[in-house]
Protein backbone atom coordinates (compact mmCIF):
# COMPACT_ATOMS: atom_id res chain seq x y z
CA MET A 1 -96.98 -53.16 -63.22
CA PHE A 2 -93.68 -54.91 -63.94
CA GLU A 3 -95.76 -57.62 -65.65
CA ARG A 4 -97.44 -55.02 -67.84
CA THR A 5 -93.96 -53.59 -68.66
CA LEU A 6 -92.66 -56.87 -69.54
CA ARG A 7 -95.44 -57.83 -71.85
CA ALA A 8 -95.16 -54.47 -73.59
CA ALA A 9 -91.39 -55.18 -74.22
CA LEU A 10 -92.18 -58.69 -75.52
CA CYS A 11 -94.74 -57.46 -77.91
CA ALA A 12 -92.66 -54.87 -79.38
CA ALA A 13 -89.70 -57.34 -80.05
CA LEU A 14 -92.11 -60.03 -81.47
CA PRO A 15 -91.95 -58.76 -85.08
CA PHE A 16 -88.26 -58.95 -85.21
CA ALA A 17 -88.11 -62.48 -83.84
CA PHE A 18 -89.79 -63.62 -87.02
CA VAL A 19 -87.66 -61.90 -89.55
CA ALA A 20 -85.82 -64.34 -91.68
CA PRO A 21 -82.08 -64.12 -92.13
CA ALA A 22 -81.00 -63.15 -95.64
CA LEU A 23 -79.71 -65.93 -97.67
CA ALA A 24 -75.83 -65.93 -97.90
CA VAL A 25 -74.05 -66.11 -101.13
CA SER A 26 -71.60 -68.91 -101.84
CA LYS A 27 -68.53 -69.12 -103.86
CA VAL A 28 -69.57 -72.24 -105.57
CA THR A 29 -73.32 -73.19 -106.53
CA PHE A 30 -74.92 -76.00 -108.36
CA VAL A 31 -77.75 -76.41 -110.77
CA SER A 32 -79.42 -79.86 -111.62
CA ALA A 33 -82.31 -80.74 -113.94
CA SER A 34 -84.04 -82.12 -110.99
CA GLY A 35 -83.20 -79.00 -108.82
CA THR A 36 -85.58 -76.31 -107.29
CA ASP A 37 -85.11 -72.67 -107.32
CA ALA A 38 -85.12 -72.27 -103.78
CA GLY A 39 -82.02 -71.88 -101.21
CA THR A 40 -78.51 -71.27 -101.54
CA CYS A 41 -77.84 -74.12 -104.09
CA VAL A 42 -74.62 -74.84 -102.28
CA THR A 43 -74.52 -78.57 -102.33
CA SER A 44 -75.45 -81.04 -105.15
CA ALA A 45 -78.18 -82.21 -102.89
CA GLU A 46 -79.64 -78.63 -102.56
CA ALA A 47 -78.95 -77.73 -106.31
CA CYS A 48 -81.11 -75.33 -108.15
CA ARG A 49 -83.01 -75.53 -111.25
CA THR A 50 -81.81 -72.46 -113.37
CA PHE A 51 -78.60 -70.60 -114.05
CA SER A 52 -80.49 -67.27 -113.34
CA TYR A 53 -81.41 -68.17 -109.92
CA ALA A 54 -78.10 -69.78 -108.90
CA ILE A 55 -76.00 -66.59 -110.16
CA GLY A 56 -78.08 -64.58 -107.54
CA GLN A 57 -76.92 -67.03 -104.87
CA THR A 58 -73.15 -66.91 -105.99
CA SER A 59 -70.72 -64.40 -104.72
CA GLY A 60 -68.53 -62.17 -107.26
CA GLY A 61 -65.75 -64.30 -108.64
CA GLY A 62 -67.60 -67.54 -107.91
CA GLU A 63 -68.81 -70.31 -110.01
CA VAL A 64 -72.02 -72.13 -111.08
CA LYS A 65 -71.66 -75.70 -111.98
CA ALA A 66 -74.19 -77.74 -113.76
CA LEU A 67 -74.40 -81.22 -112.38
CA THR A 68 -76.61 -83.08 -115.19
CA PRO A 69 -77.71 -82.38 -118.75
CA GLY A 70 -80.53 -80.24 -119.14
CA ASN A 71 -82.01 -76.83 -120.28
CA TYR A 72 -81.17 -74.25 -117.65
CA GLY A 73 -82.77 -71.21 -119.01
CA PRO A 74 -81.48 -67.94 -120.29
CA PHE A 75 -79.62 -65.87 -117.92
CA ALA A 76 -78.01 -62.37 -117.35
CA ILE A 77 -74.51 -61.63 -115.85
CA GLY A 78 -73.53 -58.61 -113.98
CA LYS A 79 -70.63 -59.59 -111.97
CA ALA A 80 -67.53 -61.64 -112.22
CA ILE A 81 -68.32 -65.38 -112.48
CA THR A 82 -67.82 -68.76 -114.19
CA ILE A 83 -70.80 -70.80 -115.71
CA THR A 84 -69.80 -74.27 -116.18
CA GLY A 85 -71.76 -77.04 -117.90
CA VAL A 86 -71.38 -80.58 -118.56
CA GLU A 87 -72.30 -82.54 -121.73
CA GLY A 88 -75.92 -82.02 -122.75
CA ALA A 89 -76.08 -79.07 -120.46
CA GLY A 90 -77.36 -75.64 -121.99
CA VAL A 91 -79.51 -72.84 -122.70
CA VAL A 92 -82.56 -72.67 -124.99
CA GLN A 93 -83.88 -69.49 -125.79
CA THR A 94 -87.41 -69.65 -127.34
CA VAL A 95 -88.44 -65.97 -127.58
CA ASN A 96 -87.13 -62.98 -129.09
CA ALA A 97 -84.54 -62.24 -126.54
CA ASP A 98 -80.73 -62.99 -126.08
CA ALA A 99 -79.98 -66.20 -124.50
CA ILE A 100 -77.20 -64.95 -122.32
CA THR A 101 -76.33 -61.12 -121.53
CA VAL A 102 -73.15 -59.97 -120.00
CA SER A 103 -73.12 -56.39 -118.42
CA ALA A 104 -70.29 -56.78 -115.93
CA GLY A 105 -67.77 -54.24 -114.41
CA ALA A 106 -64.66 -53.03 -116.16
CA ALA A 107 -62.59 -54.98 -113.66
CA ASP A 108 -64.78 -58.12 -113.99
CA SER A 109 -63.84 -61.57 -115.60
CA VAL A 110 -66.49 -63.68 -117.05
CA ARG A 111 -66.28 -67.22 -118.23
CA ILE A 112 -68.89 -69.51 -120.05
CA VAL A 113 -67.73 -73.10 -120.46
CA GLY A 114 -69.13 -76.26 -121.91
CA LEU A 115 -72.66 -75.22 -122.83
CA SER A 116 -74.94 -75.65 -125.68
CA ILE A 117 -76.61 -72.38 -126.38
CA ASP A 118 -79.71 -72.64 -128.79
CA GLY A 119 -81.58 -70.12 -130.42
CA TYR A 120 -84.64 -72.52 -131.05
CA LYS A 121 -84.92 -72.39 -134.91
CA GLY A 122 -83.83 -68.82 -135.14
CA ALA A 123 -86.43 -67.56 -132.38
CA ALA A 124 -83.83 -65.53 -130.60
CA PRO A 125 -81.38 -62.79 -131.71
CA ASN A 126 -78.06 -63.55 -130.10
CA GLY A 127 -76.43 -66.35 -128.20
CA VAL A 128 -74.12 -64.20 -125.98
CA ARG A 129 -74.44 -60.54 -125.94
CA VAL A 130 -71.72 -58.49 -124.30
CA THR A 131 -72.12 -54.71 -123.51
CA SER A 132 -69.55 -54.59 -120.78
CA VAL A 133 -66.96 -56.59 -119.09
CA GLY A 134 -63.31 -56.54 -118.29
CA SER A 135 -62.53 -59.96 -119.92
CA LEU A 136 -64.77 -62.73 -121.48
CA THR A 137 -63.77 -66.37 -122.07
CA ILE A 138 -66.02 -68.61 -124.01
CA GLN A 139 -64.65 -72.25 -123.98
CA ARG A 140 -65.90 -75.60 -125.28
CA CYS A 141 -69.35 -74.28 -126.22
CA ILE A 142 -72.03 -74.76 -129.03
CA LEU A 143 -74.01 -71.84 -130.36
CA ARG A 144 -76.53 -72.36 -133.11
CA GLU A 145 -79.82 -71.25 -134.69
CA PHE A 146 -79.88 -67.45 -133.62
CA PHE A 147 -81.26 -64.85 -136.13
CA GLY A 148 -78.42 -62.40 -135.12
CA SER A 149 -74.97 -63.59 -133.91
CA GLY A 150 -73.74 -66.45 -132.09
CA ILE A 151 -71.47 -64.16 -130.08
CA LEU A 152 -72.01 -60.32 -130.20
CA LEU A 153 -69.55 -57.86 -128.69
CA VAL A 154 -70.57 -54.29 -128.24
CA PRO A 155 -68.74 -52.95 -125.31
CA THR A 156 -68.15 -49.31 -125.03
CA ALA A 157 -64.89 -49.80 -122.88
CA VAL A 158 -61.83 -51.84 -123.46
CA THR A 159 -62.72 -55.44 -123.32
CA LYS A 160 -60.45 -58.53 -123.77
CA PHE A 161 -61.90 -61.80 -125.04
CA LEU A 162 -60.93 -65.28 -125.67
CA ILE A 163 -62.99 -67.59 -127.63
CA GLU A 164 -61.79 -71.33 -128.14
CA ASP A 165 -62.71 -74.74 -128.86
CA THR A 166 -66.12 -73.60 -129.77
CA VAL A 167 -68.64 -74.19 -132.69
CA LEU A 168 -71.11 -71.68 -134.05
CA THR A 169 -73.41 -72.46 -136.83
CA ASP A 170 -76.72 -71.52 -138.45
CA LEU A 171 -76.59 -67.90 -137.88
CA GLY A 172 -78.77 -65.33 -139.36
CA TRP A 173 -76.18 -62.54 -139.20
CA ALA A 174 -72.65 -63.73 -137.87
CA GLY A 175 -70.85 -66.23 -136.08
CA VAL A 176 -68.59 -63.83 -134.03
CA SER A 177 -69.21 -60.09 -134.34
CA ALA A 178 -66.77 -57.77 -132.56
CA MET A 179 -68.63 -54.55 -133.02
CA ALA A 180 -67.60 -52.48 -130.10
CA ALA A 181 -67.53 -48.85 -130.68
CA PRO A 182 -66.07 -46.77 -127.94
CA ALA A 183 -66.72 -42.92 -127.93
CA ASN A 184 -62.85 -42.06 -128.15
CA GLY A 185 -62.45 -44.35 -131.18
CA ALA A 186 -59.97 -46.39 -129.25
CA SER A 187 -59.75 -50.31 -129.72
CA ALA A 188 -62.43 -51.95 -127.56
CA ALA A 189 -62.73 -55.47 -128.42
CA ASN A 190 -59.14 -57.15 -128.42
CA GLY A 191 -59.25 -60.90 -128.53
CA ARG A 192 -58.34 -64.50 -129.95
CA ILE A 193 -60.44 -66.90 -131.68
CA ASP A 194 -58.61 -70.29 -131.37
CA ARG A 195 -59.76 -73.54 -132.48
CA VAL A 196 -63.29 -72.27 -133.61
CA SER A 197 -65.49 -73.47 -136.33
CA VAL A 198 -68.01 -71.00 -137.78
CA SER A 199 -70.42 -72.37 -140.65
CA ASN A 200 -73.57 -71.32 -142.13
CA ALA A 201 -73.75 -67.72 -141.32
CA LYS A 202 -75.95 -65.95 -143.54
CA TRP A 203 -73.84 -62.79 -143.43
CA VAL A 204 -70.18 -63.13 -142.07
CA GLY A 205 -68.38 -65.84 -140.23
CA VAL A 206 -66.01 -63.56 -138.25
CA GLU A 207 -66.93 -59.77 -138.38
CA VAL A 208 -64.42 -57.36 -136.78
CA GLY A 209 -65.86 -53.74 -136.86
CA TRP A 210 -64.22 -50.31 -136.45
CA SER A 211 -61.04 -50.14 -134.31
CA ASN A 212 -61.09 -53.74 -133.06
CA HIS A 213 -58.12 -56.12 -133.13
CA VAL A 214 -58.57 -59.98 -133.32
CA SER A 215 -56.34 -62.88 -133.98
CA ILE A 216 -57.82 -65.88 -135.46
CA THR A 217 -55.82 -69.25 -135.32
CA GLU A 218 -56.31 -72.87 -136.00
CA SER A 219 -60.01 -71.92 -136.88
CA SER A 220 -62.40 -72.69 -139.88
CA VAL A 221 -64.86 -70.34 -141.60
CA SER A 222 -67.13 -71.72 -144.36
CA ASN A 223 -70.45 -71.66 -146.15
CA SER A 224 -71.05 -67.94 -145.30
CA GLU A 225 -71.79 -65.01 -147.68
CA ILE A 226 -68.32 -63.56 -146.04
CA GLY A 227 -65.88 -65.58 -144.22
CA ILE A 228 -64.06 -62.77 -142.39
CA SER A 229 -64.56 -59.14 -142.75
CA ALA A 230 -62.47 -56.20 -141.36
CA ALA A 231 -63.84 -52.69 -141.25
CA SER A 232 -61.99 -49.29 -140.77
CA ASN A 233 -58.92 -49.02 -138.13
CA SER A 234 -59.58 -52.76 -137.26
CA LYS A 235 -56.68 -55.46 -137.41
CA VAL A 236 -57.24 -58.98 -138.23
CA VAL A 237 -54.18 -61.66 -137.97
CA LEU A 238 -54.91 -65.03 -139.61
CA ALA A 239 -52.89 -68.09 -138.81
CA HIS A 240 -53.14 -71.72 -139.31
CA SER A 241 -56.72 -71.48 -140.36
CA PHE A 242 -59.27 -72.37 -143.09
CA VAL A 243 -61.55 -70.03 -144.88
CA THR A 244 -63.36 -72.09 -147.71
CA GLU A 245 -66.44 -72.29 -149.68
CA ASN A 246 -67.73 -68.75 -148.97
CA LYS A 247 -68.89 -66.35 -151.51
CA THR A 248 -66.02 -63.97 -150.27
CA GLY A 249 -63.17 -65.55 -148.23
CA VAL A 250 -61.65 -62.42 -146.64
CA VAL A 251 -62.64 -58.91 -147.19
CA ARG A 252 -61.58 -55.26 -146.29
CA PHE A 253 -64.37 -52.59 -145.70
CA GLY A 254 -63.22 -48.99 -145.71
CA ALA A 255 -59.67 -47.63 -146.17
CA THR A 256 -57.72 -48.43 -143.20
CA PRO A 257 -58.15 -52.02 -142.00
CA THR A 258 -55.09 -54.28 -141.58
CA LEU A 259 -55.35 -57.98 -142.66
CA GLU A 260 -52.51 -59.99 -142.04
CA SER A 261 -51.73 -63.65 -142.93
CA ALA A 262 -49.04 -65.70 -141.25
CA GLY A 263 -48.60 -67.44 -144.70
CA ASN A 264 -49.62 -70.99 -143.34
CA ASN A 265 -53.62 -70.54 -143.91
CA THR A 266 -55.76 -72.11 -146.49
CA ILE A 267 -58.08 -69.56 -148.50
CA ARG A 268 -59.29 -71.27 -151.32
CA ASP A 269 -62.67 -72.61 -153.13
CA ASN A 270 -64.47 -69.26 -152.24
CA VAL A 271 -66.06 -67.41 -155.39
CA THR A 272 -63.56 -64.58 -154.39
CA ASN A 273 -60.88 -65.61 -152.10
CA VAL A 274 -59.52 -62.22 -150.81
CA GLN A 275 -61.08 -58.78 -151.63
CA GLY A 276 -58.48 -56.11 -150.69
CA ALA A 277 -54.79 -56.08 -149.58
CA MET A 278 -53.88 -58.82 -147.32
CA ALA A 279 -50.01 -58.63 -146.01
CA MET A 280 -48.12 -61.72 -145.87
CA VAL A 281 -46.21 -62.00 -142.43
CA GLY A 282 -43.77 -64.55 -140.93
CA THR A 283 -44.62 -67.20 -138.59
CA GLN A 284 -42.24 -66.31 -135.84
């Protein structure tokens, strides 16, 4: 009797003995061109192959680091995280979809650093598309050959951003497009563009829509239909920058955008340099 009872108890427990534990997420994970999408990606020897897989193994506020050059594939971000590349590391999107999408929380901070983001000869719409995040930082990146925008900001809530030391070129629409449109009409995309080069955008180098506020410093915008545009209720402050060889250098759309020049910019050699009023302000 005792043996039968013991045998029944062991059989009942047997299925649970073979349940694998859930993989733990780590604060820092790694990807490599020779990696495999398996495990936790927590050491260089166990590096994974794609950013998309490694993000799933990384805790909120953590970091995914690329160890070697390579194409690590498109990915989506839905939490606070840092993605860090090395020279030659990047994302190539070969189909009609955005290379990187960001849909994180209102308190989340996302950083994308040191990546080459390629739309494969115009196959893909946008390099980085942001629909929600608390703050976004893009540093030391190259974005090229998208039929839409290199960086498209369309959040519906207040978002702060910094784009710096970055190159955007050969875009079908815009280099940077800050087109956030919150329902209450408040400014949604507020940020800085520092030491950024935008060239060969078919429509506009930097597009600031509706009520968004953007400062542009030590940057250059060239060879586009429009260099910089500002729509109604938006504000653009330009300092220490070059806007050259565009059809129109700087333009206001609508009745109430604010355009300010710190007085130390070079806006010349455009067919039309400035269309609409641009206020000169001090450099204090």
